[in-house]
Amino acid sequence: MPTYDYECQDCGHQFEARQSMKDPHLTDCPKQECKGKVKRKIGLGSGLIFKGSGFYITDYRSDSYKAAAKADSSGSSGGGGASSSSGGAASSGTSSASPAASA
């Protein structure tokens, strides 16, 4: 449950209250001698703290997603290697043709 900060409009008393998000805002000051109205303050909320070596979005992927990604990477690595080797042969053929044409 979230913690909300309140401040009394009459006496200035500040306090925190743990409430559900569905609960209505508090309206009366909790001090016995004060019957003023309270106003809920805008809080900063709690900070997010990461501990450990790191957090990666892939840490919590489903098993089916991991299997599909593994299949894609193994299929694309074979196709990627063939296209780069044929591209290398084409570029070497082009560079060898240029010196012969200029000589």
PDB file of N, CA and C in Angstrom:
ATOM      1  N   MET A   1       0.837  -1.188   0.000  1.00  0.00           N
ATOM      2  CA  MET A   1       0.000   0.000   0.000  1.00  0.00           C
ATOM      3  C   MET A   1       0.876   1.244   0.000  1.00  0.00           C
ATOM      4  N   PRO A   2       0.476   2.242  -0.750  1.00  0.00           N
ATOM      5  CA  PRO A   2       1.266   3.472  -0.803  1.00  0.00           C
ATOM      6  C   PRO A   2       1.130   4.307   0.462  1.00  0.00           C
ATOM      7  N   THR A   3       2.124   5.127   0.694  1.00  0.00           N
ATOM      8  CA  THR A   3       2.132   6.052   1.822  1.00  0.00           C
ATOM      9  C   THR A   3       1.904   7.457   1.280  1.00  0.00           C
ATOM     10  N   TYR A   4       0.943   8.168   1.880  1.00  0.00           N
ATOM     11  CA  TYR A   4       0.618   9.523   1.449  1.00  0.00           C
ATOM     12  C   TYR A   4       0.977  10.515   2.550  1.00  0.00           C
ATOM     13  N   ASP A   5       1.441  11.687   2.144  1.00  0.00           N
ATOM     14  CA  ASP A   5       1.781  12.757   3.072  1.00  0.00           C
ATOM     15  C   ASP A   5       0.603  13.717   3.170  1.00  0.00           C
ATOM     16  N   TYR A   6       0.286  14.107   4.395  1.00  0.00           N
ATOM     17  CA  TYR A   6      -0.789  15.056   4.655  1.00  0.00           C
ATOM     18  C   TYR A   6      -0.265  16.213   5.481  1.00  0.00           C
ATOM     19  N   GLU A   7      -0.939  17.361   5.379  1.00  0.00           N
ATOM     20  CA  GLU A   7      -0.592  18.530   6.187  1.00  0.00           C
ATOM     21  C   GLU A   7      -1.878  19.226   6.605  1.00  0.00           C
ATOM     22  N   CYS A   8      -1.960  19.556   7.892  1.00  0.00           N
ATOM     23  CA  CYS A   8      -3.120  20.266   8.420  1.00  0.00           C
ATOM     24  C   CYS A   8      -3.063  21.727   7.971  1.00  0.00           C
ATOM     25  N   GLN A   9      -4.186  22.252   7.513  1.00  0.00           N
ATOM     26  CA  GLN A   9      -4.258  23.630   7.047  1.00  0.00           C
ATOM     27  C   GLN A   9      -4.289  24.629   8.204  1.00  0.00           C
ATOM     28  N   ASP A  10      -4.699  24.183   9.417  1.00  0.00           N
ATOM     29  CA  ASP A  10      -4.787  25.080  10.575  1.00  0.00           C
ATOM     30  C   ASP A  10      -3.511  25.097  11.404  1.00  0.00           C
ATOM     31  N   CYS A  11      -3.081  23.921  11.887  1.00  0.00           N
ATOM     32  CA  CYS A  11      -1.943  23.882  12.803  1.00  0.00           C
ATOM     33  C   CYS A  11      -0.618  23.567  12.106  1.00  0.00           C
ATOM     34  N   GLY A  12      -0.631  23.120  10.860  1.00  0.00           N
ATOM     35  CA  GLY A  12       0.601  22.829  10.133  1.00  0.00           C
ATOM     36  C   GLY A  12       1.183  21.454  10.428  1.00  0.00           C
ATOM     37  N   HIS A  13       0.451  20.627  11.177  1.00  0.00           N
ATOM     38  CA  HIS A  13       0.919  19.278  11.519  1.00  0.00           C
ATOM     39  C   HIS A  13       1.049  18.443  10.242  1.00  0.00           C
ATOM     40  N   GLN A  14       2.219  17.818  10.083  1.00  0.00           N
ATOM     41  CA  GLN A  14       2.461  16.973   8.924  1.00  0.00           C
ATOM     42  C   GLN A  14       2.551  15.520   9.377  1.00  0.00           C
ATOM     43  N   PHE A  15       1.939  14.627   8.596  1.00  0.00           N
ATOM     44  CA  PHE A  15       1.965  13.209   8.952  1.00  0.00           C
ATOM     45  C   PHE A  15       1.816  12.374   7.689  1.00  0.00           C
ATOM     46  N   GLU A  16       2.112  11.092   7.853  1.00  0.00           N
ATOM     47  CA  GLU A  16       1.986  10.137   6.763  1.00  0.00           C
ATOM     48  C   GLU A  16       0.876   9.158   7.084  1.00  0.00           C
ATOM     49  N   ALA A  17       0.221   8.658   6.048  1.00  0.00           N
ATOM     50  CA  ALA A  17      -0.828   7.658   6.229  1.00  0.00           C
ATOM     51  C   ALA A  17      -0.692   6.611   5.138  1.00  0.00           C
ATOM     52  N   ARG A  18      -0.729   5.342   5.545  1.00  0.00           N
ATOM     53  CA  ARG A  18      -0.702   4.249   4.569  1.00  0.00           C
ATOM     54  C   ARG A  18      -2.146   3.938   4.201  1.00  0.00           C
ATOM     55  N   GLN A  19      -2.464   4.121   2.925  1.00  0.00           N
ATOM     56  CA  GLN A  19      -3.820   3.923   2.453  1.00  0.00           C
ATOM     57  C   GLN A  19      -3.809   3.195   1.122  1.00  0.00           C
ATOM     58  N   SER A  20      -4.899   2.525   0.853  1.00  0.00           N
ATOM     59  CA  SER A  20      -5.086   1.943  -0.457  1.00  0.00           C
ATOM     60  C   SER A  20      -5.363   3.066  -1.444  1.00  0.00           C
ATOM     61  N   MET A  21      -5.098   2.819  -2.700  1.00  0.00           N
ATOM     62  CA  MET A  21      -5.358   3.840  -3.709  1.00  0.00           C
ATOM     63  C   MET A  21      -6.857   4.095  -3.867  1.00  0.00           C
ATOM     64  N   LYS A  22      -7.670   3.145  -3.460  1.00  0.00           N
ATOM     65  CA  LYS A  22      -9.122   3.269  -3.568  1.00  0.00           C
ATOM     66  C   LYS A  22      -9.729   4.025  -2.388  1.00  0.00           C
ATOM     67  N   ASP A  23      -8.993   4.145  -1.288  1.00  0.00           N
ATOM     68  CA  ASP A  23      -9.520   4.826  -0.106  1.00  0.00           C
ATOM     69  C   ASP A  23      -9.684   6.318  -0.367  1.00  0.00           C
ATOM     70  N   PRO A  24     -10.708   6.925   0.241  1.00  0.00           N
ATOM     71  CA  PRO A  24     -10.855   8.382   0.094  1.00  0.00           C
ATOM     72  C   PRO A  24      -9.766   9.120   0.875  1.00  0.00           C
ATOM     73  N   HIS A  25      -9.491  10.348   0.478  1.00  0.00           N
ATOM     74  CA  HIS A  25      -8.485  11.164   1.169  1.00  0.00           C
ATOM     75  C   HIS A  25      -8.940  11.431   2.596  1.00  0.00           C
ATOM     76  N   LEU A  26      -7.962  11.560   3.507  1.00  0.00           N
ATOM     77  CA  LEU A  26      -8.286  11.952   4.875  1.00  0.00           C
ATOM     78  C   LEU A  26      -8.703  13.420   4.878  1.00  0.00           C
ATOM     79  N   THR A  27      -9.569  13.786   5.828  1.00  0.00           N
ATOM     80  CA  THR A  27     -10.057  15.168   5.847  1.00  0.00           C
ATOM     81  C   THR A  27      -9.784  15.877   7.167  1.00  0.00           C
ATOM     82  N   ASP A  28      -9.674  15.142   8.282  1.00  0.00           N
ATOM     83  CA  ASP A  28      -9.525  15.766   9.601  1.00  0.00           C
ATOM     84  C   ASP A  28      -8.134  15.532  10.170  1.00  0.00           C
ATOM     85  N   CYS A  29      -7.623  16.539  10.893  1.00  0.00           N
ATOM     86  CA  CYS A  29      -6.317  16.460  11.534  1.00  0.00           C
ATOM     87  C   CYS A  29      -6.362  15.417  12.658  1.00  0.00           C
ATOM     88  N   PRO A  30      -5.333  14.565  12.776  1.00  0.00           N
ATOM     89  CA  PRO A  30      -5.349  13.529  13.810  1.00  0.00           C
ATOM     90  C   PRO A  30      -5.027  14.053  15.221  1.00  0.00           C
ATOM     91  N   LYS A  31      -4.510  15.286  15.344  1.00  0.00           N
ATOM     92  CA  LYS A  31      -4.214  15.829  16.673  1.00  0.00           C
ATOM     93  C   LYS A  31      -5.519  16.091  17.409  1.00  0.00           C
ATOM     94  N   GLN A  32      -5.536  15.736  18.691  1.00  0.00           N
ATOM     95  CA  GLN A  32      -6.777  15.845  19.469  1.00  0.00           C
ATOM     96  C   GLN A  32      -7.199  17.296  19.681  1.00  0.00           C
ATOM     97  N   GLU A  33      -6.248  18.194  19.884  1.00  0.00           N
ATOM     98  CA  GLU A  33      -6.605  19.579  20.164  1.00  0.00           C
ATOM     99  C   GLU A  33      -6.909  20.385  18.895  1.00  0.00           C
ATOM    100  N   CYS A  34      -6.655  19.804  17.721  1.00  0.00           N
ATOM    101  CA  CYS A  34      -6.889  20.504  16.458  1.00  0.00           C
ATOM    102  C   CYS A  34      -8.000  19.799  15.689  1.00  0.00           C
ATOM    103  N   LYS A  35      -8.917  20.548  15.183  1.00  0.00           N
ATOM    104  CA  LYS A  35      -9.991  19.983  14.370  1.00  0.00           C
ATOM    105  C   LYS A  35      -9.946  20.541  12.947  1.00  0.00           C
ATOM    106  N   GLY A  36      -8.744  20.909  12.495  1.00  0.00           N
ATOM    107  CA  GLY A  36      -8.582  21.499  11.174  1.00  0.00           C
ATOM    108  C   GLY A  36      -8.680  20.467  10.060  1.00  0.00           C
ATOM    109  N   LYS A  37      -8.796  20.971   8.886  1.00  0.00           N
ATOM    110  CA  LYS A  37      -8.861  20.127   7.696  1.00  0.00           C
ATOM    111  C   LYS A  37      -7.440  19.866   7.187  1.00  0.00           C
ATOM    112  N   VAL A  38      -7.239  18.661   6.667  1.00  0.00           N
ATOM    113  CA  VAL A  38      -5.929  18.308   6.131  1.00  0.00           C
ATOM    114  C   VAL A  38      -5.986  18.257   4.609  1.00  0.00           C
ATOM    115  N   LYS A  39      -4.831  18.461   4.019  1.00  0.00           N
ATOM    116  CA  LYS A  39      -4.706  18.421   2.573  1.00  0.00           C
ATOM    117  C   LYS A  39      -3.604  17.424   2.231  1.00  0.00           C
ATOM    118  N   ARG A  40      -3.866  16.580   1.262  1.00  0.00           N
ATOM    119  CA  ARG A  40      -2.860  15.609   0.847  1.00  0.00           C
ATOM    120  C   ARG A  40      -1.841  16.308  -0.027  1.00  0.00           C
ATOM    121  N   LYS A  41      -0.572  16.109   0.321  1.00  0.00           N
ATOM    122  CA  LYS A  41       0.527  16.740  -0.404  1.00  0.00           C
ATOM    123  C   LYS A  41       0.952  15.842  -1.562  1.00  0.00           C
ATOM    124  N   ILE A  42       1.507  16.452  -2.548  1.00  0.00           N
ATOM    125  CA  ILE A  42       2.049  15.692  -3.674  1.00  0.00           C
ATOM    126  C   ILE A  42       3.423  15.194  -3.258  1.00  0.00           C
ATOM    127  N   GLY A  43       3.580  13.894  -3.248  1.00  0.00           N
ATOM    128  CA  GLY A  43       4.845  13.307  -2.821  1.00  0.00           C
ATOM    129  C   GLY A  43       5.693  12.895  -4.001  1.00  0.00           C
ATOM    130  N   LEU A  44       6.954  12.669  -3.715  1.00  0.00           N
ATOM    131  CA  LEU A  44       7.884  12.227  -4.748  1.00  0.00           C
ATOM    132  C   LEU A  44       7.786  10.733  -5.002  1.00  0.00           C
ATOM    133  N   GLY A  45       7.178  10.012  -4.099  1.00  0.00           N
ATOM    134  CA  GLY A  45       7.107   8.566  -4.243  1.00  0.00           C
ATOM    135  C   GLY A  45       8.409   7.934  -3.787  1.00  0.00           C
ATOM    136  N   SER A  46       8.483   6.656  -3.919  1.00  0.00           N
ATOM    137  CA  SER A  46       9.707   5.975  -3.514  1.00  0.00           C
ATOM    138  C   SER A  46      10.603   5.801  -4.725  1.00  0.00           C
ATOM    139  N   GLY A  47      11.876   5.796  -4.468  1.00  0.00           N
ATOM    140  CA  GLY A  47      12.848   5.619  -5.540  1.00  0.00           C
ATOM    141  C   GLY A  47      12.985   4.163  -5.913  1.00  0.00           C
ATOM    142  N   LEU A  48      13.479   3.928  -7.082  1.00  0.00           N
ATOM    143  CA  LEU A  48      13.717   2.588  -7.560  1.00  0.00           C
ATOM    144  C   LEU A  48      15.203   2.305  -7.426  1.00  0.00           C
ATOM    145  N   ILE A  49      15.539   1.252  -6.708  1.00  0.00           N
ATOM    146  CA  ILE A  49      16.937   0.939  -6.437  1.00  0.00           C
ATOM    147  C   ILE A  49      17.279  -0.394  -7.078  1.00  0.00           C
ATOM    148  N   PHE A  50      18.305  -0.391  -7.913  1.00  0.00           N
ATOM    149  CA  PHE A  50      18.802  -1.623  -8.506  1.00  0.00           C
ATOM    150  C   PHE A  50      20.052  -2.042  -7.745  1.00  0.00           C
ATOM    151  N   LYS A  51      20.068  -3.302  -7.325  1.00  0.00           N
ATOM    152  CA  LYS A  51      21.236  -3.829  -6.633  1.00  0.00           C
ATOM    153  C   LYS A  51      21.743  -5.032  -7.408  1.00  0.00           C
ATOM    154  N   GLY A  52      23.011  -5.234  -7.388  1.00  0.00           N
ATOM    155  CA  GLY A  52      23.580  -6.389  -8.054  1.00  0.00           C
ATOM    156  C   GLY A  52      24.361  -5.997  -9.294  1.00  0.00           C
ATOM    157  N   SER A  53      24.640  -6.986 -10.120  1.00  0.00           N
ATOM    158  CA  SER A  53      25.490  -6.761 -11.284  1.00  0.00           C
ATOM    159  C   SER A  53      24.768  -6.058 -12.418  1.00  0.00           C
ATOM    160  N   GLY A  54      23.452  -6.111 -12.457  1.00  0.00           N
ATOM    161  CA  GLY A  54      22.745  -5.415 -13.525  1.00  0.00           C
ATOM    162  C   GLY A  54      21.375  -5.988 -13.768  1.00  0.00           C
ATOM    163  N   PHE A  55      20.629  -5.296 -14.607  1.00  0.00           N
ATOM    164  CA  PHE A  55      19.276  -5.702 -14.978  1.00  0.00           C
ATOM    165  C   PHE A  55      19.161  -5.596 -16.483  1.00  0.00           C
ATOM    166  N   TYR A  56      18.704  -6.639 -17.096  1.00  0.00           N
ATOM    167  CA  TYR A  56      18.539  -6.646 -18.537  1.00  0.00           C
ATOM    168  C   TYR A  56      17.106  -7.032 -18.869  1.00  0.00           C
ATOM    169  N   ILE A  57      16.567  -6.449 -19.923  1.00  0.00           N
ATOM    170  CA  ILE A  57      15.177  -6.716 -20.292  1.00  0.00           C
ATOM    171  C   ILE A  57      14.986  -8.179 -20.683  1.00  0.00           C
ATOM    172  N   THR A  58      16.040  -8.829 -21.139  1.00  0.00           N
ATOM    173  CA  THR A  58      15.930 -10.223 -21.555  1.00  0.00           C
ATOM    174  C   THR A  58      15.951 -11.195 -20.384  1.00  0.00           C
ATOM    175  N   ASP A  59      16.176 -10.712 -19.175  1.00  0.00           N
ATOM    176  CA  ASP A  59      16.221 -11.595 -18.011  1.00  0.00           C
ATOM    177  C   ASP A  59      14.885 -12.271 -17.743  1.00  0.00           C
ATOM    178  N   TYR A  60      13.794 -11.631 -18.094  1.00  0.00           N
ATOM    179  CA  TYR A  60      12.475 -12.146 -17.739  1.00  0.00           C
ATOM    180  C   TYR A  60      11.650 -12.504 -18.968  1.00  0.00           C
ATOM    181  N   ARG A  61      12.297 -12.861 -20.062  1.00  0.00           N
ATOM    182  CA  ARG A  61      11.581 -13.263 -21.259  1.00  0.00           C
ATOM    183  C   ARG A  61      10.991 -14.656 -21.071  1.00  0.00           C
ATOM    184  N   SER A  62       9.911 -14.941 -21.772  1.00  0.00           N
ATOM    185  CA  SER A  62       9.279 -16.255 -21.686  1.00  0.00           C
ATOM    186  C   SER A  62      10.136 -17.286 -22.418  1.00  0.00           C
ATOM    187  N   ASP A  63       9.933 -18.549 -22.083  1.00  0.00           N
ATOM    188  CA  ASP A  63      10.702 -19.614 -22.709  1.00  0.00           C
ATOM    189  C   ASP A  63      10.403 -19.717 -24.202  1.00  0.00           C
ATOM    190  N   SER A  64       9.152 -19.485 -24.586  1.00  0.00           N
ATOM    191  CA  SER A  64       8.800 -19.560 -26.010  1.00  0.00           C
ATOM    192  C   SER A  64       9.491 -18.442 -26.795  1.00  0.00           C
ATOM    193  N   TYR A  65       9.611 -17.259 -26.198  1.00  0.00           N
ATOM    194  CA  TYR A  65      10.302 -16.151 -26.867  1.00  0.00           C
ATOM    195  C   TYR A  65      11.783 -16.476 -27.033  1.00  0.00           C
ATOM    196  N   LYS A  66      12.391 -17.036 -25.981  1.00  0.00           N
ATOM    197  CA  LYS A  66      13.813 -17.388 -26.049  1.00  0.00           C
ATOM    198  C   LYS A  66      14.064 -18.438 -27.126  1.00  0.00           C
ATOM    199  N   ALA A  67      13.156 -19.436 -27.248  1.00  0.00           N
ATOM    200  CA  ALA A  67      13.315 -20.483 -28.256  1.00  0.00           C
ATOM    201  C   ALA A  67      13.190 -19.898 -29.658  1.00  0.00           C
ATOM    202  N   ALA A  68      12.239 -19.000 -29.875  1.00  0.00           N
ATOM    203  CA  ALA A  68      12.055 -18.379 -31.187  1.00  0.00           C
ATOM    204  C   ALA A  68      13.258 -17.495 -31.534  1.00  0.00           C
ATOM    205  N   ALA A  69      13.774 -16.760 -30.567  1.00  0.00           N
ATOM    206  CA  ALA A  69      14.934 -15.899 -30.808  1.00  0.00           C
ATOM    207  C   ALA A  69      16.168 -16.735 -31.130  1.00  0.00           C
ATOM    208  N   LYS A  70      16.309 -17.870 -30.459  1.00  0.00           N
ATOM    209  CA  LYS A  70      17.454 -18.746 -30.719  1.00  0.00           C
ATOM    210  C   LYS A  70      17.357 -19.339 -32.121  1.00  0.00           C
ATOM    211  N   ALA A  71      16.157 -19.712 -32.537  1.00  0.00           N
ATOM    212  CA  ALA A  71      15.960 -20.263 -33.885  1.00  0.00           C
ATOM    213  C   ALA A  71      16.247 -19.194 -34.936  1.00  0.00           C
ATOM    214  N   ASP A  72      15.812 -17.973 -34.698  1.00  0.00           N
ATOM    215  CA  ASP A  72      16.073 -16.873 -35.637  1.00  0.00           C
ATOM    216  C   ASP A  72      17.562 -16.575 -35.747  1.00  0.00           C
ATOM    217  N   SER A  73      18.246 -16.559 -34.606  1.00  0.00           N
ATOM    218  CA  SER A  73      19.673 -16.221 -34.640  1.00  0.00           C
ATOM    219  C   SER A  73      20.485 -17.319 -35.317  1.00  0.00           C
ATOM    220  N   SER A  74      20.129 -18.582 -35.136  1.00  0.00           N
ATOM    221  CA  SER A  74      20.871 -19.652 -35.800  1.00  0.00           C
ATOM    222  C   SER A  74      20.558 -19.677 -37.292  1.00  0.00           C
ATOM    223  N   GLY A  75      19.347 -19.355 -37.684  1.00  0.00           N
ATOM    224  CA  GLY A  75      18.986 -19.316 -39.105  1.00  0.00           C
ATOM    225  C   GLY A  75      19.594 -18.119 -39.805  1.00  0.00           C
ATOM    226  N   SER A  76      19.637 -16.987 -39.159  1.00  0.00           N
ATOM    227  CA  SER A  76      20.160 -15.778 -39.794  1.00  0.00           C
ATOM    228  C   SER A  76      21.683 -15.752 -39.799  1.00  0.00           C
ATOM    229  N   SER A  77      22.333 -16.433 -38.865  1.00  0.00           N
ATOM    230  CA  SER A  77      23.799 -16.434 -38.856  1.00  0.00           C
ATOM    231  C   SER A  77      24.344 -17.228 -40.022  1.00  0.00           C
ATOM    232  N   GLY A  78      23.666 -18.301 -40.439  1.00  0.00           N
ATOM    233  CA  GLY A  78      24.104 -19.074 -41.605  1.00  0.00           C
ATOM    234  C   GLY A  78      23.889 -18.277 -42.877  1.00  0.00           C
ATOM    235  N   GLY A  79      22.772 -17.594 -43.010  1.00  0.00           N
ATOM    236  CA  GLY A  79      22.484 -16.791 -44.193  1.00  0.00           C
ATOM    237  C   GLY A  79      23.360 -15.556 -44.232  1.00  0.00           C
ATOM    238  N   GLY A  80      23.656 -14.978 -43.102  1.00  0.00           N
ATOM    239  CA  GLY A  80      24.473 -13.771 -43.059  1.00  0.00           C
ATOM    240  C   GLY A  80      25.904 -14.050 -43.446  1.00  0.00           C
ATOM    241  N   GLY A  81      26.429 -15.218 -43.089  1.00  0.00           N
ATOM    242  CA  GLY A  81      27.798 -15.563 -43.434  1.00  0.00           C
ATOM    243  C   GLY A  81      27.960 -15.775 -44.925  1.00  0.00           C
ATOM    244  N   ALA A  82      26.969 -16.390 -45.563  1.00  0.00           N
ATOM    245  CA  ALA A  82      27.055 -16.665 -46.990  1.00  0.00           C
ATOM    246  C   ALA A  82      26.977 -15.374 -47.791  1.00  0.00           C
ATOM    247  N   SER A  83      26.130 -14.460 -47.376  1.00  0.00           N
ATOM    248  CA  SER A  83      25.985 -13.220 -48.130  1.00  0.00           C
ATOM    249  C   SER A  83      27.218 -12.337 -47.970  1.00  0.00           C
ATOM    250  N   SER A  84      27.868 -12.362 -46.824  1.00  0.00           N
ATOM    251  CA  SER A  84      29.055 -11.536 -46.649  1.00  0.00           C
ATOM    252  C   SER A  84      30.236 -12.100 -47.422  1.00  0.00           C
ATOM    253  N   SER A  85      30.323 -13.450 -47.540  1.00  0.00           N
ATOM    254  CA  SER A  85      31.434 -14.029 -48.293  1.00  0.00           C
ATOM    255  C   SER A  85      31.256 -13.783 -49.787  1.00  0.00           C
ATOM    256  N   SER A  86      30.016 -13.834 -50.279  1.00  0.00           N
ATOM    257  CA  SER A  86      29.804 -13.550 -51.694  1.00  0.00           C
ATOM    258  C   SER A  86      30.014 -12.072 -51.968  1.00  0.00           C
ATOM    259  N   GLY A  87      29.682 -11.234 -51.006  1.00  0.00           N
ATOM    260  CA  GLY A  87      29.924  -9.801 -51.164  1.00  0.00           C
ATOM    261  C   GLY A  87      31.408  -9.500 -51.180  1.00  0.00           C
ATOM    262  N   GLY A  88      32.191 -10.253 -50.434  1.00  0.00           N
ATOM    263  CA  GLY A  88      33.629 -10.051 -50.401  1.00  0.00           C
ATOM    264  C   GLY A  88      34.254 -10.442 -51.726  1.00  0.00           C
ATOM    265  N   ALA A  89      33.743 -11.500 -52.354  1.00  0.00           N
ATOM    266  CA  ALA A  89      34.285 -11.946 -53.635  1.00  0.00           C
ATOM    267  C   ALA A  89      33.966 -10.923 -54.722  1.00  0.00           C
ATOM    268  N   ALA A  90      32.794 -10.353 -54.651  1.00  0.00           N
ATOM    269  CA  ALA A  90      32.402  -9.368 -55.654  1.00  0.00           C
ATOM    270  C   ALA A  90      33.248  -8.110 -55.517  1.00  0.00           C
ATOM    271  N   SER A  91      33.528  -7.716 -54.297  1.00  0.00           N
ATOM    272  CA  SER A  91      34.315  -6.504 -54.108  1.00  0.00           C
ATOM    273  C   SER A  91      35.770  -6.734 -54.504  1.00  0.00           C
ATOM    274  N   SER A  92      36.301  -7.953 -54.254  1.00  0.00           N
ATOM    275  CA  SER A  92      37.684  -8.213 -54.640  1.00  0.00           C
ATOM    276  C   SER A  92      37.803  -8.304 -56.151  1.00  0.00           C
ATOM    277  N   GLY A  93      36.762  -8.818 -56.834  1.00  0.00           N
ATOM    278  CA  GLY A  93      36.765  -8.880 -58.282  1.00  0.00           C
ATOM    279  C   GLY A  93      36.728  -7.489 -58.883  1.00  0.00           C
ATOM    280  N   THR A  94      36.013  -6.586 -58.258  1.00  0.00           N
ATOM    281  CA  THR A  94      35.896  -5.229 -58.737  1.00  0.00           C
ATOM    282  C   THR A  94      37.209  -4.500 -58.578  1.00  0.00           C
ATOM    283  N   SER A  95      37.879  -4.698 -57.453  1.00  0.00           N
ATOM    284  CA  SER A  95      39.134  -3.991 -57.205  1.00  0.00           C
ATOM    285  C   SER A  95      40.249  -4.534 -58.093  1.00  0.00           C
ATOM    286  N   SER A  96      40.225  -5.829 -58.441  1.00  0.00           N
ATOM    287  CA  SER A  96      41.255  -6.371 -59.313  1.00  0.00           C
ATOM    288  C   SER A  96      41.009  -5.939 -60.772  1.00  0.00           C
ATOM    289  N   ALA A  97      39.749  -5.692 -61.118  1.00  0.00           N
ATOM    290  CA  ALA A  97      39.446  -5.260 -62.470  1.00  0.00           C
ATOM    291  C   ALA A  97      39.867  -3.817 -62.677  1.00  0.00           C
ATOM    292  N   SER A  98      39.800  -2.989 -61.650  1.00  0.00           N
ATOM    293  CA  SER A  98      40.141  -1.576 -61.783  1.00  0.00           C
ATOM    294  C   SER A  98      41.609  -1.375 -62.113  1.00  0.00           C
ATOM    295  N   PRO A  99      42.567  -2.036 -61.415  1.00  0.00           N
ATOM    296  CA  PRO A  99      43.962  -1.834 -61.753  1.00  0.00           C
ATOM    297  C   PRO A  99      44.289  -2.354 -63.156  1.00  0.00           C
ATOM    298  N   ALA A 100      43.651  -3.428 -63.572  1.00  0.00           N
ATOM    299  CA  ALA A 100      43.930  -3.980 -64.898  1.00  0.00           C
ATOM    300  C   ALA A 100      43.436  -3.039 -65.979  1.00  0.00           C
ATOM    301  N   ALA A 101      42.332  -2.366 -65.720  1.00  0.00           N
ATOM    302  CA  ALA A 101      41.789  -1.445 -66.714  1.00  0.00           C
ATOM    303  C   ALA A 101      42.645  -0.200 -66.804  1.00  0.00           C
ATOM    304  N   SER A 102      43.236   0.254 -65.703  1.00  0.00           N
ATOM    305  CA  SER A 102      44.035   1.459 -65.728  1.00  0.00           C
ATOM    306  C   SER A 102      45.465   1.202 -66.249  1.00  0.00           C
ATOM    307  N   ALA A 103      45.929  -0.043 -66.241  1.00  0.00           N
ATOM    308  CA  ALA A 103      47.299  -0.345 -66.681  1.00  0.00           C
ATOM    309  C   ALA A 103      47.467  -0.456 -68.113  1.00  0.00           C
TER     310      ALA A 103
END
